[in-house]
């Protein structure tokens, strides 16, 4: 149970924003997928309830205890990720899921939280005012190992979502200009190698589609074109709940997952889009402001990395559905259908709340 002295330090406004965004997501999931078998909105409600239970269980444990076991969790999940490559069934061409009797779990999502805890543990005792090459390489290795395993599944979108965790930790550790230039050059070289030896033809087409989606409107450009049509047709007030032609007539792919923001634009219009952006602005601002509430180095790293993780997913998803970023399968955090993604974000917020409520204890 949570210590009564700490109970009053819980950021209930952050929890309220978390729930409000999640519940609005259920409403949009119901609208976009109510005609599909599977009752996706009921499943999402189940995951929200499970996420809340896990959130409050996490609050009952000091985050420093979780940090102390992070290496063991990390090693275990690396074995799990490696095992998926050999034993997991391919779902939509990706071997990234553990299938259970009534649901399935995507370990690569949950590993993000483990990486955050391990990096926070690594840098918690780091006293230097600048980032050394040794520490930079060690922290990079911690992040790159799961990226490589996830990339082999292959799941490019989830692999990319680990990058902000590394950048956040390096920025806080005092990354200098030379290190930044090295990382940029390294990224360019990796991109060239990936383009020539790793990326599949359909992934290359998605990148080229950014320049001219109309060149392949039936295949690689289809998602972006339909998304733009959905958002643009919504007008000021939208077509109304369950009345979006692109989503209801199934022209818009992945409408209850990656392209749920397009459904908001079509059915709730410009007003709905602005309202959603304001909700996320309040939520993300609250997360970043929580960095100042930590009284120890580990807490600062945890809060900043969680804020960067969720912000990255939000901005990439929005840029993706308006055609500025390639379609890489990154869901809209808290709104898109998906239990693993939802639980990961709830765990991340739980860590932020954990740090804030213990700010007068860990001094």
Foldseek 3Di string as FASTA:
>chain_A
DADPLLVVLFPVVLVVLLVVQLVVLLLLLCLLPVVPPDSLSVVSVVLVVVLVVVLVVLLRDFLVVVLVCLVVVLVVLLVVLQVLLPPADQDVNFSQWDDDDPGIAGSLLQVLLSLLSPLLSLCQPPDDQADDPVNLVVNVVSLVSSLVSCCSSPQNQSSVLSVLLSVLSNVVSHYDPVNVVVVVVVVVVVVVCCVVPNDDPLQVLLVVCLVPLPVCCPGSSVQQVLLQCLLVQQAAQAPARSRRCCSVVVSHPLCQWLSVLSSQNHHGNPVSNVVSVVSVVVNLVVLQVLLVLAPGSSLNSLSSSLSSSLVVLQVQSVCPNNSNHGDRRRTNQSNHRDSNSPSSNSVSVSSSSSRNSCRVPPD
